[in-house]
Amino acid sequence: MGESVHAHDDPLLSAFDLDFLDAGRRGRVALGAGWNVRFEAVPPVRGFRWNKGDRSFPGWYYAATTGTHVGYESWLERDRLIQLDFASDVVGIASQPFWLHWHDGERKRRHGPDYFVRLADGRARVVDVRTEDQVDEPPAEAFAATSRACSAVGWEFAQVGVLIRWSWRI
């Protein structure tokens, strides 16, 4: 996994853990020690379930960018995945790449972002897909925590919703 990040002893680096699959094994490390894992190449940390009568529409999309199938859990996620696949600056995409664990002062929390994206210039972007009308307090808190964690290690974070018009950039 490489060297730990020590950005002026930022307490956020130890306040969050990353839980992910690597070479078929489960790993859990502090954010500061796991920030440089190639998350664009890891398998999803949880499966995609298909149940009759569900309101979601999960599936697998063959991404030309990765040469592999990338999972999605709704049509909205699929649309954003297609957008990512067509973006010229995207060189890697993984769905459900890790669980982000933290304690919010009252209880232990975790959140599995929808996508991890590697850009051509080496930057990383974590993407959560949810329509604005579906962002009530629990997901808003999870997105805020994810944004703080991403910022601590130099990753970008984007919470995106419905595509208003087609654009190649998120």
Protein backbone atom coordinates (compact mmCIF):
# COMPACT_ATOMS: atom_id res chain seq x y z
CA MET A 1 0.00 0.00 0.00
CA GLY A 2 2.91 2.35 0.29
CA GLU A 3 3.75 5.20 2.57
CA SER A 4 1.28 6.78 4.94
CA VAL A 5 0.22 10.34 4.35
CA HIS A 6 1.24 12.77 7.08
CA ALA A 7 -0.33 16.04 5.96
CA HIS A 8 0.66 18.05 9.01
CA ASP A 9 -0.68 15.24 11.21
CA ASP A 10 -4.21 15.84 9.97
CA PRO A 11 -6.50 14.01 12.44
CA LEU A 12 -8.87 13.14 9.59
CA LEU A 13 -6.30 10.69 8.26
CA SER A 14 -6.83 8.44 11.27
CA ALA A 15 -10.49 9.33 11.86
CA PHE A 16 -11.53 7.36 8.75
CA ASP A 17 -10.83 3.76 7.75
CA LEU A 18 -11.00 2.26 4.27
CA ASP A 19 -12.37 -1.28 3.98
CA PHE A 20 -11.81 -2.87 0.56
CA LEU A 21 -10.95 -6.02 -1.37
CA ASP A 22 -7.42 -6.44 -2.68
CA ALA A 23 -6.27 -9.58 -4.48
CA GLY A 24 -9.32 -11.41 -3.14
CA ARG A 25 -8.59 -10.48 0.48
CA ARG A 26 -10.45 -8.04 2.67
CA GLY A 27 -8.34 -5.17 3.96
CA ARG A 28 -9.08 -2.38 6.41
CA VAL A 29 -6.62 0.42 6.96
CA ALA A 30 -6.61 4.01 8.17
CA LEU A 31 -7.32 6.52 5.41
CA GLY A 32 -3.81 7.94 5.73
CA ALA A 33 -2.30 4.49 5.03
CA GLY A 34 -4.66 3.41 2.25
CA TRP A 35 -5.11 6.54 0.17
CA ASN A 36 -2.76 5.28 -2.56
CA VAL A 37 -4.43 1.90 -3.23
CA ARG A 38 -5.39 1.60 -6.90
CA PHE A 39 -9.10 1.70 -6.11
CA GLU A 40 -9.92 1.94 -9.81
CA ALA A 41 -8.85 -1.72 -10.04
CA VAL A 42 -10.56 -3.23 -6.98
CA PRO A 43 -13.74 -5.32 -7.07
CA PRO A 44 -16.92 -4.02 -5.44
CA VAL A 45 -17.06 -4.39 -1.64
CA ARG A 46 -20.64 -5.54 -1.85
CA GLY A 47 -22.75 -7.33 -4.39
CA PHE A 48 -25.45 -5.94 -6.63
CA ARG A 49 -28.80 -7.51 -5.75
CA TRP A 50 -31.70 -8.11 -8.07
CA ASN A 51 -35.04 -8.67 -6.36
CA LYS A 52 -38.39 -8.87 -8.09
CA GLY A 53 -40.41 -5.76 -7.36
CA ASP A 54 -37.41 -3.61 -6.37
CA ARG A 55 -37.51 0.03 -7.41
CA SER A 56 -33.84 0.00 -8.36
CA PHE A 57 -32.41 -1.34 -11.58
CA PRO A 58 -28.95 -2.87 -10.96
CA GLY A 59 -26.74 -4.29 -13.65
CA TRP A 60 -23.33 -4.41 -15.27
CA TYR A 61 -22.08 -2.05 -17.95
CA TYR A 62 -19.13 -2.96 -20.15
CA ALA A 63 -16.86 0.07 -19.91
CA ALA A 64 -14.51 0.64 -22.83
CA THR A 65 -12.31 2.71 -20.50
CA THR A 66 -11.53 -0.27 -18.27
CA GLY A 67 -12.19 -3.18 -20.63
CA THR A 68 -14.29 -4.72 -17.84
CA HIS A 69 -17.83 -4.73 -16.56
CA VAL A 70 -18.59 -2.05 -13.98
CA GLY A 71 -21.63 -2.38 -11.74
CA TYR A 72 -24.45 0.07 -11.17
CA GLU A 73 -27.49 0.00 -8.89
CA SER A 74 -29.92 2.26 -10.74
CA TRP A 75 -30.51 3.79 -14.13
CA LEU A 76 -29.25 7.05 -12.73
CA GLU A 77 -25.95 5.40 -11.75
CA ARG A 78 -25.82 3.71 -15.17
CA ASP A 79 -26.27 7.05 -16.92
CA ARG A 80 -23.44 8.58 -14.88
CA LEU A 81 -21.28 5.51 -15.55
CA ILE A 82 -21.79 5.89 -19.30
CA GLN A 83 -20.88 9.57 -18.94
CA LEU A 84 -17.67 8.60 -17.10
CA ASP A 85 -16.84 5.98 -19.75
CA PHE A 86 -17.07 8.61 -22.49
CA ALA A 87 -15.05 11.25 -20.62
CA SER A 88 -11.66 11.66 -22.28
CA ASP A 89 -9.84 12.36 -19.00
CA VAL A 90 -11.11 9.19 -17.23
CA VAL A 91 -8.71 6.22 -17.34
CA GLY A 92 -10.16 4.02 -14.58
CA ILE A 93 -13.55 3.39 -12.96
CA ALA A 94 -14.60 1.06 -10.15
CA SER A 95 -18.02 0.70 -8.57
CA GLN A 96 -18.53 0.33 -4.80
CA PRO A 97 -14.72 0.44 -4.35
CA PHE A 98 -14.58 0.64 -0.56
CA TRP A 99 -16.43 1.17 2.67
CA LEU A 100 -15.49 4.39 4.40
CA HIS A 101 -15.79 3.94 8.19
CA TRP A 102 -15.89 6.71 10.82
CA HIS A 103 -17.43 7.57 14.16
CA ASP A 104 -19.79 10.56 14.18
CA GLY A 105 -19.55 11.18 17.92
CA GLU A 106 -22.61 9.08 18.68
CA ARG A 107 -22.20 5.91 16.64
CA LYS A 108 -20.05 4.10 14.14
CA ARG A 109 -20.92 4.93 10.54
CA ARG A 110 -19.98 3.61 7.13
CA HIS A 111 -20.63 4.59 3.56
CA GLY A 112 -19.85 2.88 0.27
CA PRO A 113 -19.36 5.49 -2.46
CA ASP A 114 -20.78 4.61 -5.86
CA TYR A 115 -17.64 5.09 -7.95
CA PHE A 116 -13.91 5.66 -7.71
CA VAL A 117 -12.51 7.34 -10.82
CA ARG A 118 -8.88 7.73 -11.85
CA LEU A 119 -8.14 10.65 -14.15
CA ALA A 120 -5.44 10.74 -16.83
CA ASP A 121 -3.32 13.19 -14.83
CA GLY A 122 -3.31 10.81 -11.81
CA ARG A 123 -5.95 12.61 -9.76
CA ALA A 124 -8.66 10.59 -8.04
CA ARG A 125 -12.36 11.38 -7.83
CA VAL A 126 -14.95 9.71 -5.63
CA VAL A 127 -18.48 9.96 -7.02
CA ASP A 128 -21.80 9.47 -5.25
CA VAL A 129 -24.94 9.42 -7.39
CA ARG A 130 -28.25 10.43 -5.82
CA THR A 131 -31.05 12.74 -6.92
CA GLU A 132 -31.42 15.86 -4.79
CA ASP A 133 -34.88 14.81 -3.59
CA GLN A 134 -33.34 11.60 -2.22
CA VAL A 135 -30.68 13.36 -0.12
CA ASP A 136 -32.18 13.56 3.34
CA GLU A 137 -30.18 13.77 6.56
CA PRO A 138 -28.40 10.35 6.64
CA PRO A 139 -27.04 10.49 3.08
CA ALA A 140 -26.22 14.20 3.42
CA GLU A 141 -24.13 13.40 6.51
CA ALA A 142 -22.44 10.49 4.69
CA PHE A 143 -21.65 12.68 1.68
CA ALA A 144 -20.24 15.41 3.94
CA ALA A 145 -18.02 12.88 5.75
CA THR A 146 -16.90 11.40 2.43
CA SER A 147 -16.06 14.87 1.14
CA ARG A 148 -13.95 15.59 4.27
CA ALA A 149 -12.12 12.26 3.93
CA CYS A 150 -11.44 12.83 0.22
CA SER A 151 -10.16 16.32 0.86
CA ALA A 152 -7.76 15.03 3.54
CA VAL A 153 -5.97 12.81 0.99
CA GLY A 154 -6.22 15.07 -2.05
CA TRP A 155 -9.05 13.26 -3.81
CA GLU A 156 -11.92 15.10 -5.42
CA PHE A 157 -15.47 14.34 -4.32
CA ALA A 158 -18.60 14.81 -6.41
CA GLN A 159 -22.20 14.18 -5.41
CA VAL A 160 -24.17 14.16 -8.64
CA GLY A 161 -27.81 13.68 -9.60
CA VAL A 162 -29.88 13.65 -12.75
CA LEU A 163 -28.16 14.61 -15.97
CA ILE A 164 -29.82 17.83 -17.09
CA ARG A 165 -27.94 17.91 -20.35
CA TRP A 166 -25.27 15.62 -21.63
CA SER A 167 -21.83 16.72 -20.61
CA TRP A 168 -18.57 14.77 -20.66
CA ARG A 169 -17.44 16.18 -17.33
CA ILE A 170 -18.72 15.51 -13.83
